PDB file of N, CA and C in Angstrom:
ATOM      1  N   UNK A   1     111.776-338.385  24.582  1.00  0.00           N
ATOM      2  CA  UNK A   1     110.611-339.022  24.022  1.00  0.00           C
ATOM      3  C   UNK A   1     111.040-340.356  23.427  1.00  0.00           C
ATOM      4  N   UNK A   2     110.093-341.243  23.198  1.00  0.00           N
ATOM      5  CA  UNK A   2     110.375-342.556  22.633  1.00  0.00           C
ATOM      6  C   UNK A   2     110.399-342.481  21.110  1.00  0.00           C
ATOM      7  N   UNK A   3     110.941-343.511  20.466  1.00  0.00           N
ATOM      8  CA  UNK A   3     111.115-343.495  19.022  1.00  0.00           C
ATOM      9  C   UNK A   3     109.797-343.309  18.268  1.00  0.00           C
ATOM     10  N   UNK A   4     108.738-343.958  18.701  1.00  0.00           N
ATOM     11  CA  UNK A   4     107.452-343.824  18.011  1.00  0.00           C
ATOM     12  C   UNK A   4     106.985-342.381  17.955  1.00  0.00           C
ATOM     13  N   UNK A   5     107.129-341.663  19.047  1.00  0.00           N
ATOM     14  CA  UNK A   5     106.752-340.248  19.076  1.00  0.00           C
ATOM     15  C   UNK A   5     107.681-339.426  18.183  1.00  0.00           C
ATOM     16  N   UNK A   6     108.975-339.732  18.236  1.00  0.00           N
ATOM     17  CA  UNK A   6     109.940-339.010  17.415  1.00  0.00           C
ATOM     18  C   UNK A   6     109.687-339.271  15.928  1.00  0.00           C
ATOM     19  N   UNK A   7     109.335-340.500  15.589  1.00  0.00           N
ATOM     20  CA  UNK A   7     109.041-340.825  14.195  1.00  0.00           C
ATOM     21  C   UNK A   7     107.843-340.027  13.687  1.00  0.00           C
ATOM     22  N   UNK A   8     106.833-339.892  14.505  1.00  0.00           N
ATOM     23  CA  UNK A   8     105.677-339.083  14.098  1.00  0.00           C
ATOM     24  C   UNK A   8     106.082-337.633  13.861  1.00  0.00           C
ATOM     25  N   UNK A   9     106.988-337.113  14.680  1.00  0.00           N
ATOM     26  CA  UNK A   9     107.485-335.744  14.487  1.00  0.00           C
ATOM     27  C   UNK A   9     108.264-335.643  13.185  1.00  0.00           C
ATOM     28  N   UNK A  10     109.091-336.656  12.888  1.00  0.00           N
ATOM     29  CA  UNK A  10     109.852-336.655  11.638  1.00  0.00           C
ATOM     30  C   UNK A  10     108.911-336.733  10.437  1.00  0.00           C
ATOM     31  N   UNK A  11     107.872-337.535  10.544  1.00  0.00           N
ATOM     32  CA  UNK A  11     106.887-337.638   9.459  1.00  0.00           C
ATOM     33  C   UNK A  11     106.171-336.309   9.244  1.00  0.00           C
ATOM     34  N   UNK A  12     106.091-335.492  10.288  1.00  0.00           N
ATOM     35  CA  UNK A  12     105.444-334.177  10.194  1.00  0.00           C
ATOM     36  C   UNK A  12     106.413-333.093   9.708  1.00  0.00           C
ATOM     37  N   UNK A  13     107.661-333.484   9.398  1.00  0.00           N
ATOM     38  CA  UNK A  13     108.606-332.532   8.841  1.00  0.00           C
ATOM     39  C   UNK A  13     109.658-332.009   9.789  1.00  0.00           C
ATOM     40  N   UNK A  14     109.655-332.455  11.031  1.00  0.00           N
ATOM     41  CA  UNK A  14     110.652-331.984  11.984  1.00  0.00           C
ATOM     42  C   UNK A  14     111.897-332.858  11.933  1.00  0.00           C
ATOM     43  N   UNK A  15     113.000-332.340  12.445  1.00  0.00           N
ATOM     44  CA  UNK A  15     114.248-333.094  12.546  1.00  0.00           C
ATOM     45  C   UNK A  15     114.360-333.620  13.971  1.00  0.00           C
ATOM     46  N   UNK A  16     114.862-334.837  14.105  1.00  0.00           N
ATOM     47  CA  UNK A  16     114.979-335.466  15.420  1.00  0.00           C
ATOM     48  C   UNK A  16     116.407-335.949  15.633  1.00  0.00           C
ATOM     49  N   UNK A  17     116.765-336.129  16.891  1.00  0.00           N
ATOM     50  CA  UNK A  17     118.072-336.651  17.264  1.00  0.00           C
ATOM     51  C   UNK A  17     117.933-337.327  18.621  1.00  0.00           C
ATOM     52  N   UNK A  18     118.998-337.967  19.041  1.00  0.00           N
ATOM     53  CA  UNK A  18     119.053-338.536  20.391  1.00  0.00           C
ATOM     54  C   UNK A  18     120.084-337.770  21.195  1.00  0.00           C
ATOM     55  N   UNK A  19     119.717-337.383  22.409  1.00  0.00           N
ATOM     56  CA  UNK A  19     120.678-336.672  23.258  1.00  0.00           C
ATOM     57  C   UNK A  19     121.824-337.600  23.670  1.00  0.00           C
ATOM     58  N   UNK A  20     121.627-338.903  23.607  1.00  0.00           N
ATOM     59  CA  UNK A  20     122.664-339.865  23.966  1.00  0.00           C
ATOM     60  C   UNK A  20     123.672-340.141  22.872  1.00  0.00           C
ATOM     61  N   UNK A  21     123.445-339.630  21.673  1.00  0.00           N
ATOM     62  CA  UNK A  21     124.420-339.826  20.602  1.00  0.00           C
ATOM     63  C   UNK A  21     125.626-338.937  20.825  1.00  0.00           C
ATOM     64  N   UNK A  22     126.840-339.462  20.643  1.00  0.00           N
ATOM     65  CA  UNK A  22     128.036-338.643  20.851  1.00  0.00           C
ATOM     66  C   UNK A  22     128.389-337.781  19.637  1.00  0.00           C
ATOM     67  N   UNK A  23     127.591-337.797  18.600  1.00  0.00           N
ATOM     68  CA  UNK A  23     127.847-337.015  17.393  1.00  0.00           C
ATOM     69  C   UNK A  23     126.620-336.172  17.067  1.00  0.00           C
ATOM     70  N   UNK A  24     126.745-335.147  16.251  1.00  0.00           N
ATOM     71  CA  UNK A  24     125.641-334.207  16.006  1.00  0.00           C
ATOM     72  C   UNK A  24     124.710-334.618  14.860  1.00  0.00           C
ATOM     73  N   UNK A  25     124.370-335.900  14.754  1.00  0.00           N
ATOM     74  CA  UNK A  25     123.496-336.348  13.671  1.00  0.00           C
ATOM     75  C   UNK A  25     122.047-335.953  13.913  1.00  0.00           C
ATOM     76  N   UNK A  26     121.349-335.701  12.805  1.00  0.00           N
ATOM     77  CA  UNK A  26     119.921-335.435  12.867  1.00  0.00           C
ATOM     78  C   UNK A  26     119.238-336.324  11.837  1.00  0.00           C
ATOM     79  N   UNK A  27     118.053-336.758  12.161  1.00  0.00           N
ATOM     80  CA  UNK A  27     117.285-337.658  11.308  1.00  0.00           C
ATOM     81  C   UNK A  27     116.041-336.924  10.835  1.00  0.00           C
ATOM     82  N   UNK A  28     115.700-337.119   9.581  1.00  0.00           N
ATOM     83  CA  UNK A  28     114.518-336.467   9.031  1.00  0.00           C
ATOM     84  C   UNK A  28     113.932-337.336   7.928  1.00  0.00           C
ATOM     85  N   UNK A  29     112.715-337.047   7.537  1.00  0.00           N
ATOM     86  CA  UNK A  29     112.037-337.794   6.487  1.00  0.00           C
ATOM     87  C   UNK A  29     112.321-337.169   5.134  1.00  0.00           C
ATOM     88  N   UNK A  30     112.608-338.015   4.174  1.00  0.00           N
ATOM     89  CA  UNK A  30     112.757-337.601   2.792  1.00  0.00           C
ATOM     90  C   UNK A  30     111.817-338.474   1.969  1.00  0.00           C
ATOM     91  N   UNK A  31     111.676-338.164   0.694  1.00  0.00           N
ATOM     92  CA  UNK A  31     110.731-338.897  -0.152  1.00  0.00           C
ATOM     93  C   UNK A  31     111.356-339.251  -1.492  1.00  0.00           C
ATOM     94  N   UNK A  32     111.019-340.431  -1.998  1.00  0.00           N
ATOM     95  CA  UNK A  32     111.436-340.833  -3.327  1.00  0.00           C
ATOM     96  C   UNK A  32     110.626-340.040  -4.350  1.00  0.00           C
ATOM     97  N   UNK A  33     110.968-340.188  -5.609  1.00  0.00           N
ATOM     98  CA  UNK A  33     110.238-339.491  -6.671  1.00  0.00           C
ATOM     99  C   UNK A  33     108.754-339.847  -6.685  1.00  0.00           C
ATOM    100  N   UNK A  34     108.423-341.079  -6.282  1.00  0.00           N
ATOM    101  CA  UNK A  34     107.006-341.471  -6.256  1.00  0.00           C
ATOM    102  C   UNK A  34     106.397-341.320  -4.856  1.00  0.00           C
ATOM    103  N   UNK A  35     107.010-340.441  -4.053  1.00  0.00           N
ATOM    104  CA  UNK A  35     106.484-340.024  -2.741  1.00  0.00           C
ATOM    105  C   UNK A  35     106.471-341.123  -1.677  1.00  0.00           C
ATOM    106  N   UNK A  36     107.392-342.069  -1.754  1.00  0.00           N
ATOM    107  CA  UNK A  36     107.545-343.067  -0.707  1.00  0.00           C
ATOM    108  C   UNK A  36     108.492-342.502   0.355  1.00  0.00           C
ATOM    109  N   UNK A  37     108.079-342.467   1.623  1.00  0.00           N
ATOM    110  CA  UNK A  37     108.932-341.877   2.658  1.00  0.00           C
ATOM    111  C   UNK A  37     110.056-342.808   3.102  1.00  0.00           C
ATOM    112  N   UNK A  38     111.147-342.204   3.519  1.00  0.00           N
ATOM    113  CA  UNK A  38     112.246-342.931   4.139  1.00  0.00           C
ATOM    114  C   UNK A  38     112.997-341.956   5.033  1.00  0.00           C
ATOM    115  N   UNK A  39     113.782-342.473   5.966  1.00  0.00           N
ATOM    116  CA  UNK A  39     114.529-341.629   6.895  1.00  0.00           C
ATOM    117  C   UNK A  39     115.944-341.403   6.393  1.00  0.00           C
ATOM    118  N   UNK A  40     116.421-340.176   6.586  1.00  0.00           N
ATOM    119  CA  UNK A  40     117.789-339.798   6.254  1.00  0.00           C
ATOM    120  C   UNK A  40     118.491-339.342   7.531  1.00  0.00           C
ATOM    121  N   UNK A  41     119.801-339.521   7.571  1.00  0.00           N
ATOM    122  CA  UNK A  41     120.602-339.018   8.683  1.00  0.00           C
ATOM    123  C   UNK A  41     121.681-338.108   8.101  1.00  0.00           C
ATOM    124  N   UNK A  42     121.936-337.010   8.814  1.00  0.00           N
ATOM    125  CA  UNK A  42     122.832-335.967   8.316  1.00  0.00           C
ATOM    126  C   UNK A  42     123.460-335.270   9.520  1.00  0.00           C
ATOM    127  N   UNK A  43     124.723-334.902   9.394  1.00  0.00           N
ATOM    128  CA  UNK A  43     125.342-334.111  10.463  1.00  0.00           C
ATOM    129  C   UNK A  43     125.866-332.779   9.954  1.00  0.00           C
ATOM    130  N   UNK A  44     125.584-332.459   8.696  1.00  0.00           N
ATOM    131  CA  UNK A  44     126.001-331.189   8.135  1.00  0.00           C
ATOM    132  C   UNK A  44     127.423-331.164   7.623  1.00  0.00           C
ATOM    133  N   UNK A  45     128.206-332.209   7.897  1.00  0.00           N
ATOM    134  CA  UNK A  45     129.599-332.242   7.464  1.00  0.00           C
ATOM    135  C   UNK A  45     129.862-333.292   6.392  1.00  0.00           C
ATOM    136  N   UNK A  46     128.890-334.137   6.136  1.00  0.00           N
ATOM    137  CA  UNK A  46     129.041-335.167   5.115  1.00  0.00           C
ATOM    138  C   UNK A  46     127.727-335.295   4.356  1.00  0.00           C
ATOM    139  N   UNK A  47     127.748-336.050   3.292  1.00  0.00           N
ATOM    140  CA  UNK A  47     126.555-336.272   2.482  1.00  0.00           C
ATOM    141  C   UNK A  47     125.512-337.042   3.298  1.00  0.00           C
ATOM    142  N   UNK A  48     124.246-336.609   3.300  1.00  0.00           N
ATOM    143  CA  UNK A  48     123.197-337.362   4.005  1.00  0.00           C
ATOM    144  C   UNK A  48     123.085-338.784   3.452  1.00  0.00           C
ATOM    145  N   UNK A  49     122.783-339.736   4.338  1.00  0.00           N
ATOM    146  CA  UNK A  49     122.620-341.129   3.944  1.00  0.00           C
ATOM    147  C   UNK A  49     121.324-341.677   4.550  1.00  0.00           C
ATOM    148  N   UNK A  50     120.772-342.742   3.972  1.00  0.00           N
ATOM    149  CA  UNK A  50     119.573-343.348   4.549  1.00  0.00           C
ATOM    150  C   UNK A  50     119.862-343.836   5.974  1.00  0.00           C
ATOM    151  N   UNK A  51     118.879-343.698   6.838  1.00  0.00           N
ATOM    152  CA  UNK A  51     119.003-344.084   8.248  1.00  0.00           C
ATOM    153  C   UNK A  51     118.153-345.316   8.531  1.00  0.00           C
ATOM    154  N   UNK A  52     118.741-346.290   9.169  1.00  0.00           N
ATOM    155  CA  UNK A  52     118.026-347.461   9.656  1.00  0.00           C
ATOM    156  C   UNK A  52     118.218-347.510  11.167  1.00  0.00           C
ATOM    157  N   UNK A  53     117.143-347.433  11.901  1.00  0.00           N
ATOM    158  CA  UNK A  53     117.223-347.430  13.362  1.00  0.00           C
ATOM    159  C   UNK A  53     117.714-348.782  13.874  1.00  0.00           C
ATOM    160  N   UNK A  54     118.610-348.742  14.846  1.00  0.00           N
ATOM    161  CA  UNK A  54     119.075-349.957  15.513  1.00  0.00           C
ATOM    162  C   UNK A  54     118.111-350.298  16.641  1.00  0.00           C
ATOM    163  N   UNK A  55     118.249-351.488  17.208  1.00  0.00           N
ATOM    164  CA  UNK A  55     117.402-351.837  18.338  1.00  0.00           C
ATOM    165  C   UNK A  55     117.646-350.904  19.519  1.00  0.00           C
ATOM    166  N   UNK A  56     118.880-350.449  19.695  1.00  0.00           N
ATOM    167  CA  UNK A  56     119.187-349.502  20.769  1.00  0.00           C
ATOM    168  C   UNK A  56     118.419-348.206  20.549  1.00  0.00           C
ATOM    169  N   UNK A  57     118.399-347.702  19.304  1.00  0.00           N
ATOM    170  CA  UNK A  57     117.662-346.475  18.985  1.00  0.00           C
ATOM    171  C   UNK A  57     116.156-346.665  19.153  1.00  0.00           C
ATOM    172  N   UNK A  58     115.635-347.820  18.751  1.00  0.00           N
ATOM    173  CA  UNK A  58     114.195-348.067  18.849  1.00  0.00           C
ATOM    174  C   UNK A  58     113.701-348.061  20.292  1.00  0.00           C
ATOM    175  N   UNK A  59     114.517-348.541  21.217  1.00  0.00           N
ATOM    176  CA  UNK A  59     114.106-348.610  22.616  1.00  0.00           C
ATOM    177  C   UNK A  59     114.549-347.412  23.451  1.00  0.00           C
ATOM    178  N   UNK A  60     115.295-346.495  22.857  1.00  0.00           N
ATOM    179  CA  UNK A  60     115.784-345.316  23.583  1.00  0.00           C
ATOM    180  C   UNK A  60     114.633-344.371  23.936  1.00  0.00           C
ATOM    181  N   UNK A  61     114.804-343.654  25.021  1.00  0.00           N
ATOM    182  CA  UNK A  61     113.797-342.680  25.469  1.00  0.00           C
ATOM    183  C   UNK A  61     114.343-341.251  25.453  1.00  0.00           C
ATOM    184  N   UNK A  62     115.494-341.052  24.791  1.00  0.00           N
ATOM    185  CA  UNK A  62     116.116-339.724  24.777  1.00  0.00           C
ATOM    186  C   UNK A  62     116.014-339.030  23.415  1.00  0.00           C
ATOM    187  N   UNK A  63     115.026-339.393  22.612  1.00  0.00           N
ATOM    188  CA  UNK A  63     114.797-338.710  21.340  1.00  0.00           C
ATOM    189  C   UNK A  63     114.271-337.312  21.608  1.00  0.00           C
ATOM    190  N   UNK A  64     114.658-336.369  20.748  1.00  0.00           N
ATOM    191  CA  UNK A  64     114.184-334.999  20.876  1.00  0.00           C
ATOM    192  C   UNK A  64     114.095-334.332  19.509  1.00  0.00           C
ATOM    193  N   UNK A  65     113.256-333.339  19.421  1.00  0.00           N
ATOM    194  CA  UNK A  65     113.110-332.545  18.209  1.00  0.00           C
ATOM    195  C   UNK A  65     114.139-331.426  18.256  1.00  0.00           C
ATOM    196  N   UNK A  66     114.776-331.156  17.114  1.00  0.00           N
ATOM    197  CA  UNK A  66     115.753-330.076  17.034  1.00  0.00           C
ATOM    198  C   UNK A  66     115.396-329.162  15.867  1.00  0.00           C
ATOM    199  N   UNK A  67     115.923-327.969  15.891  1.00  0.00           N
ATOM    200  CA  UNK A  67     115.750-327.040  14.787  1.00  0.00           C
ATOM    201  C   UNK A  67     116.592-327.513  13.618  1.00  0.00           C
ATOM    202  N   UNK A  68     116.101-327.374  12.424  1.00  0.00           N
ATOM    203  CA  UNK A  68     116.813-327.773  11.211  1.00  0.00           C
ATOM    204  C   UNK A  68     118.167-327.080  11.162  1.00  0.00           C
ATOM    205  N   UNK A  69     119.223-327.884  11.000  1.00  0.00           N
ATOM    206  CA  UNK A  69     120.564-327.320  10.886  1.00  0.00           C
ATOM    207  C   UNK A  69     121.187-326.953  12.207  1.00  0.00           C
ATOM    208  N   UNK A  70     120.545-327.292  13.307  1.00  0.00           N
ATOM    209  CA  UNK A  70     121.071-326.918  14.621  1.00  0.00           C
ATOM    210  C   UNK A  70     120.925-328.087  15.578  1.00  0.00           C
ATOM    211  N   UNK A  71     121.950-328.354  16.371  1.00  0.00           N
ATOM    212  CA  UNK A  71     121.921-329.433  17.357  1.00  0.00           C
ATOM    213  C   UNK A  71     121.620-328.891  18.718  1.00  0.00           C
TER     214      UNK A  71
END
């Protein structure tokens, strides 16, 4: 799926990833204390960090929904 579709899934609470990524990262939506959304990236082995999509990620068509905690 394309990034726009994947982003809508993340906004709905699902975790997304790209099958083309060589690492097991997953992206999901988190919220600030005043409920402002932002994207986080996590691979389960390190502390989650904010995610900023690159131009390669924005134009990719290999986005997919994954189960939380599973690649």
